[in-house]
Amino acid sequence: MTPSSLRAFGIRLRGSMSNQIQTGTMMVQQSEALHALGIASEPYARNWDSLGVLESSGLDRKLRAAGWKLFFMAGELRAVVPAWGGQKTLGRGVKRLLAQTRLQHFNCLEVTHIRRERFLGVPYVSIAAHSRHIQQASQIESAEQRAHDGNGEARRSGK
C-alpha cells in the first residue's frame, strides 16, 4: 500500500502529527463549555484547538447528545498561500481562515478542501473551509450576540 492509501484508512505514518490538518479537520475556539463536554482536542493556534479526523466526524453527534447545536455557515472561506514555506505553508493558510472565522464571531471552522497547485511554475496551496458555530440555542445568534458573548464562545441559552 502507498502512504496516501494508508492515510485514507486513518493509519498514521511514523513522524506524522496527531493534529495534522487535512480535509475534514475541525478547529474549535477554546472554551470551558466545550471542554466540559469532553471534546478531545489539541492546541493548534492562539485560542484555537484542533480536533482529529475521528473526533471531527463525531462532533455533531456528541454535541446533540449534550443538547448543543452545531451550525453550518454556507459561505465558503478561502485562503491561497505560496507553497515555498515547507510544512508551515498549510499552517499559515489555516491561521488566515481562523482569523476570518474570528471576525465573524463564530467558534468553529471545518476544513473542506486542500489542494496543492502551481501557477506559472509558482507552487501554492489553496485551502477552503466553512465557518461553524456551536451553541445551545436552536437558532443562530446574531453577530452582535456572538461578539458580546465572549468573542463567539459557545454559551448556554438563557443568559
C-alpha atoms as a PDB file:
ATOM      1  CA  MET A   1       0.000   0.000   0.000  1.00  0.00           C
ATOM      2  CA  THR A   2       1.112   3.550  -0.652  1.00  0.00           C
ATOM      3  CA  PRO A   3       1.448   6.146   2.137  1.00  0.00           C
ATOM      4  CA  SER A   4      -1.566   8.066   0.797  1.00  0.00           C
ATOM      5  CA  SER A   5      -3.768   4.966   0.801  1.00  0.00           C
ATOM      6  CA  LEU A   6      -2.714   4.212   4.391  1.00  0.00           C
ATOM      7  CA  ARG A   7      -3.696   7.750   5.382  1.00  0.00           C
ATOM      8  CA  ALA A   8      -7.058   7.278   3.632  1.00  0.00           C
ATOM      9  CA  PHE A   9      -7.782   4.458   6.095  1.00  0.00           C
ATOM     10  CA  GLY A  10      -6.782   6.668   9.033  1.00  0.00           C
ATOM     11  CA  ILE A  11      -3.439   4.946   9.622  1.00  0.00           C
ATOM     12  CA  ARG A  12      -0.815   7.431  10.743  1.00  0.00           C
ATOM     13  CA  LEU A  13       2.694   7.097   9.458  1.00  0.00           C
ATOM     14  CA  ARG A  14       5.741   7.471  11.660  1.00  0.00           C
ATOM     15  CA  GLY A  15       6.506  11.156  12.178  1.00  0.00           C
ATOM     16  CA  SER A  16       3.041  12.443  11.308  1.00  0.00           C
ATOM     17  CA  MET A  17       1.462  14.897  13.713  1.00  0.00           C
ATOM     18  CA  SER A  18      -1.653  13.773  15.551  1.00  0.00           C
ATOM     19  CA  ASN A  19      -3.296  17.144  14.891  1.00  0.00           C
ATOM     20  CA  GLN A  20      -2.307  17.209  11.230  1.00  0.00           C
ATOM     21  CA  ILE A  21      -4.658  19.427   9.255  1.00  0.00           C
ATOM     22  CA  GLN A  22      -6.476  17.673   6.437  1.00  0.00           C
ATOM     23  CA  THR A  23      -9.856  17.758   4.735  1.00  0.00           C
ATOM     24  CA  GLY A  24     -12.492  17.175   7.406  1.00  0.00           C
ATOM     25  CA  THR A  25     -10.436  18.573  10.279  1.00  0.00           C
ATOM     26  CA  MET A  26     -12.340  20.857  12.625  1.00  0.00           C
ATOM     27  CA  MET A  27     -10.874  23.711  14.614  1.00  0.00           C
ATOM     28  CA  VAL A  28     -12.718  24.923  17.716  1.00  0.00           C
ATOM     29  CA  GLN A  29     -12.188  28.064  19.730  1.00  0.00           C
ATOM     30  CA  GLN A  30     -11.015  27.198  23.226  1.00  0.00           C
ATOM     31  CA  SER A  31     -13.828  27.414  25.761  1.00  0.00           C
ATOM     32  CA  GLU A  32     -14.634  25.990  29.186  1.00  0.00           C
ATOM     33  CA  ALA A  33     -18.093  24.977  27.966  1.00  0.00           C
ATOM     34  CA  LEU A  34     -16.680  22.832  25.149  1.00  0.00           C
ATOM     35  CA  HIS A  35     -14.028  21.373  27.442  1.00  0.00           C
ATOM     36  CA  ALA A  36     -16.779  20.401  29.898  1.00  0.00           C
ATOM     37  CA  LEU A  37     -18.487  18.430  27.104  1.00  0.00           C
ATOM     38  CA  GLY A  38     -15.427  16.162  26.913  1.00  0.00           C
ATOM     39  CA  ILE A  39     -14.434  17.041  23.361  1.00  0.00           C
ATOM     40  CA  ALA A  40     -10.872  15.799  22.869  1.00  0.00           C
ATOM     41  CA  SER A  41      -8.665  18.359  21.146  1.00  0.00           C
ATOM     42  CA  GLU A  42      -5.085  19.541  20.849  1.00  0.00           C
ATOM     43  CA  PRO A  43      -3.832  23.146  20.959  1.00  0.00           C
ATOM     44  CA  TYR A  44      -3.250  24.469  17.447  1.00  0.00           C
ATOM     45  CA  ALA A  45      -3.013  28.255  17.415  1.00  0.00           C
ATOM     46  CA  ARG A  46      -3.756  31.071  19.829  1.00  0.00           C
ATOM     47  CA  ASN A  47      -7.177  30.295  21.381  1.00  0.00           C
ATOM     48  CA  TRP A  48      -7.901  27.526  18.847  1.00  0.00           C
ATOM     49  CA  ASP A  49      -7.770  23.747  19.207  1.00  0.00           C
ATOM     50  CA  SER A  50      -7.597  21.116  16.509  1.00  0.00           C
ATOM     51  CA  LEU A  51      -9.796  18.027  16.534  1.00  0.00           C
ATOM     52  CA  GLY A  52      -8.562  14.816  14.983  1.00  0.00           C
ATOM     53  CA  VAL A  53     -10.445  13.469  11.963  1.00  0.00           C
ATOM     54  CA  LEU A  54     -12.297  10.868  14.043  1.00  0.00           C
ATOM     55  CA  GLU A  55     -13.242  13.415  16.706  1.00  0.00           C
ATOM     56  CA  SER A  56     -14.322  15.881  13.992  1.00  0.00           C
ATOM     57  CA  SER A  57     -16.628  13.347  12.354  1.00  0.00           C
ATOM     58  CA  GLY A  58     -18.383  12.595  15.661  1.00  0.00           C
ATOM     59  CA  LEU A  59     -18.568  16.187  16.912  1.00  0.00           C
ATOM     60  CA  ASP A  60     -22.143  16.895  15.798  1.00  0.00           C
ATOM     61  CA  ARG A  61     -23.435  13.658  17.338  1.00  0.00           C
ATOM     62  CA  LYS A  62     -21.622  14.339  20.623  1.00  0.00           C
ATOM     63  CA  LEU A  63     -22.935  17.916  20.781  1.00  0.00           C
ATOM     64  CA  ARG A  64     -26.543  16.896  20.010  1.00  0.00           C
ATOM     65  CA  ALA A  65     -26.401  14.245  22.754  1.00  0.00           C
ATOM     66  CA  ALA A  66     -25.448  17.022  25.203  1.00  0.00           C
ATOM     67  CA  GLY A  67     -28.239  19.338  23.987  1.00  0.00           C
ATOM     68  CA  TRP A  68     -25.985  21.623  21.922  1.00  0.00           C
ATOM     69  CA  LYS A  69     -26.207  22.589  18.242  1.00  0.00           C
ATOM     70  CA  LEU A  70     -23.512  22.764  15.534  1.00  0.00           C
ATOM     71  CA  PHE A  71     -24.453  25.261  12.834  1.00  0.00           C
ATOM     72  CA  PHE A  72     -23.036  25.173   9.306  1.00  0.00           C
ATOM     73  CA  MET A  73     -22.420  28.526   7.596  1.00  0.00           C
ATOM     74  CA  ALA A  74     -22.972  28.336   3.843  1.00  0.00           C
ATOM     75  CA  GLY A  75     -20.401  30.944   2.765  1.00  0.00           C
ATOM     76  CA  GLU A  76     -17.093  29.336   1.857  1.00  0.00           C
ATOM     77  CA  LEU A  77     -13.871  30.837   3.234  1.00  0.00           C
ATOM     78  CA  ARG A  78     -10.738  30.606   1.081  1.00  0.00           C
ATOM     79  CA  ALA A  79      -7.033  31.180   1.541  1.00  0.00           C
ATOM     80  CA  VAL A  80      -4.265  30.877  -1.051  1.00  0.00           C
ATOM     81  CA  VAL A  81      -0.719  30.690   0.262  1.00  0.00           C
ATOM     82  CA  PRO A  82       2.610  30.497  -1.609  1.00  0.00           C
ATOM     83  CA  ALA A  83       3.968  26.983  -1.051  1.00  0.00           C
ATOM     84  CA  TRP A  84       7.644  27.719  -0.596  1.00  0.00           C
ATOM     85  CA  GLY A  85       7.352  27.695   3.200  1.00  0.00           C
ATOM     86  CA  GLY A  86       7.590  23.933   3.647  1.00  0.00           C
ATOM     87  CA  GLN A  87       5.447  22.487   6.459  1.00  0.00           C
ATOM     88  CA  LYS A  88       4.468  25.972   7.663  1.00  0.00           C
ATOM     89  CA  THR A  89       2.592  26.754   4.433  1.00  0.00           C
ATOM     90  CA  LEU A  90      -0.608  24.955   5.397  1.00  0.00           C
ATOM     91  CA  GLY A  91      -0.452  26.415   8.908  1.00  0.00           C
ATOM     92  CA  ARG A  92      -0.272  29.963   7.553  1.00  0.00           C
ATOM     93  CA  GLY A  93      -3.320  29.359   5.388  1.00  0.00           C
ATOM     94  CA  VAL A  94      -5.327  27.817   8.212  1.00  0.00           C
ATOM     95  CA  LYS A  95      -4.441  30.728  10.508  1.00  0.00           C
ATOM     96  CA  ARG A  96      -5.801  33.126   7.868  1.00  0.00           C
ATOM     97  CA  LEU A  97      -9.049  31.156   7.787  1.00  0.00           C
ATOM     98  CA  LEU A  98      -9.232  31.188  11.597  1.00  0.00           C
ATOM     99  CA  ALA A  99      -8.825  34.972  11.538  1.00  0.00           C
ATOM    100  CA  GLN A 100     -11.756  35.247   9.095  1.00  0.00           C
ATOM    101  CA  THR A 101     -13.847  32.989  11.333  1.00  0.00           C
ATOM    102  CA  ARG A 102     -12.973  35.065  14.405  1.00  0.00           C
ATOM    103  CA  LEU A 103     -14.014  38.285  12.614  1.00  0.00           C
ATOM    104  CA  GLN A 104     -17.470  36.757  12.047  1.00  0.00           C
ATOM    105  CA  HIS A 105     -17.595  35.745  15.747  1.00  0.00           C
ATOM    106  CA  PHE A 106     -18.002  32.043  15.024  1.00  0.00           C
ATOM    107  CA  ASN A 107     -16.310  29.463  17.255  1.00  0.00           C
ATOM    108  CA  CYS A 108     -15.638  26.575  14.879  1.00  0.00           C
ATOM    109  CA  LEU A 109     -14.107  26.004  11.440  1.00  0.00           C
ATOM    110  CA  GLU A 110     -14.225  22.920   9.201  1.00  0.00           C
ATOM    111  CA  VAL A 111     -11.525  22.479   6.541  1.00  0.00           C
ATOM    112  CA  THR A 112     -13.276  21.264   3.390  1.00  0.00           C
ATOM    113  CA  HIS A 113     -10.613  21.437   0.694  1.00  0.00           C
ATOM    114  CA  ILE A 114      -6.809  21.455   0.456  1.00  0.00           C
ATOM    115  CA  ARG A 115      -5.150  21.496  -2.940  1.00  0.00           C
ATOM    116  CA  ARG A 116      -1.503  21.946  -3.852  1.00  0.00           C
ATOM    117  CA  GLU A 117      -1.085  23.511  -7.300  1.00  0.00           C
ATOM    118  CA  ARG A 118       1.202  25.603  -9.496  1.00  0.00           C
ATOM    119  CA  PHE A 119       0.565  28.766 -11.466  1.00  0.00           C
ATOM    120  CA  LEU A 120       3.251  29.777 -13.966  1.00  0.00           C
ATOM    121  CA  GLY A 121       5.617  27.464 -12.117  1.00  0.00           C
ATOM    122  CA  VAL A 122       4.963  29.034  -8.708  1.00  0.00           C
ATOM    123  CA  PRO A 123       3.708  26.489  -6.148  1.00  0.00           C
ATOM    124  CA  TYR A 124       0.785  27.437  -3.913  1.00  0.00           C
ATOM    125  CA  VAL A 125      -1.732  25.844  -1.588  1.00  0.00           C
ATOM    126  CA  SER A 126      -5.442  26.582  -1.869  1.00  0.00           C
ATOM    127  CA  ILE A 127      -7.467  25.937   1.296  1.00  0.00           C
ATOM    128  CA  ALA A 128     -11.236  26.181   1.638  1.00  0.00           C
ATOM    129  CA  ALA A 129     -13.299  25.932   4.793  1.00  0.00           C
ATOM    130  CA  HIS A 130     -16.693  26.688   6.260  1.00  0.00           C
ATOM    131  CA  SER A 131     -17.333  28.505   9.495  1.00  0.00           C
ATOM    132  CA  ARG A 132     -19.361  26.549  12.019  1.00  0.00           C
ATOM    133  CA  HIS A 133     -20.850  27.689  15.302  1.00  0.00           C
ATOM    134  CA  ILE A 134     -21.507  25.751  18.498  1.00  0.00           C
ATOM    135  CA  GLN A 135     -24.183  26.951  20.914  1.00  0.00           C
ATOM    136  CA  GLN A 136     -27.118  25.636  22.937  1.00  0.00           C
ATOM    137  CA  ALA A 137     -29.873  27.777  21.419  1.00  0.00           C
ATOM    138  CA  SER A 138     -31.688  26.266  18.441  1.00  0.00           C
ATOM    139  CA  GLN A 139     -31.493  29.467  16.345  1.00  0.00           C
ATOM    140  CA  ILE A 140     -28.179  31.020  15.346  1.00  0.00           C
ATOM    141  CA  GLU A 141     -27.349  34.094  17.361  1.00  0.00           C
ATOM    142  CA  SER A 142     -26.779  37.451  15.667  1.00  0.00           C
ATOM    143  CA  ALA A 143     -23.217  38.676  15.147  1.00  0.00           C
ATOM    144  CA  GLU A 144     -23.780  41.214  17.929  1.00  0.00           C
ATOM    145  CA  GLN A 145     -24.883  38.486  20.344  1.00  0.00           C
ATOM    146  CA  ARG A 146     -21.901  36.287  19.428  1.00  0.00           C
ATOM    147  CA  ALA A 147     -19.488  39.232  19.801  1.00  0.00           C
ATOM    148  CA  HIS A 148     -20.989  40.227  23.147  1.00  0.00           C
ATOM    149  CA  ASP A 149     -20.787  36.650  24.321  1.00  0.00           C
ATOM    150  CA  GLY A 150     -17.029  36.315  24.632  1.00  0.00           C
ATOM    151  CA  ASN A 151     -15.855  36.557  21.016  1.00  0.00           C
ATOM    152  CA  GLY A 152     -18.066  33.745  19.776  1.00  0.00           C
ATOM    153  CA  GLU A 153     -17.516  31.276  22.619  1.00  0.00           C
ATOM    154  CA  ALA A 154     -20.131  28.590  22.960  1.00  0.00           C
ATOM    155  CA  ARG A 155     -22.647  29.662  25.533  1.00  0.00           C
ATOM    156  CA  ARG A 156     -25.656  28.353  27.321  1.00  0.00           C
ATOM    157  CA  SER A 157     -29.026  29.695  26.253  1.00  0.00           C
ATOM    158  CA  GLY A 158     -30.957  31.795  28.712  1.00  0.00           C
ATOM    159  CA  LYS A 159     -28.144  34.214  29.615  1.00  0.00           C
END
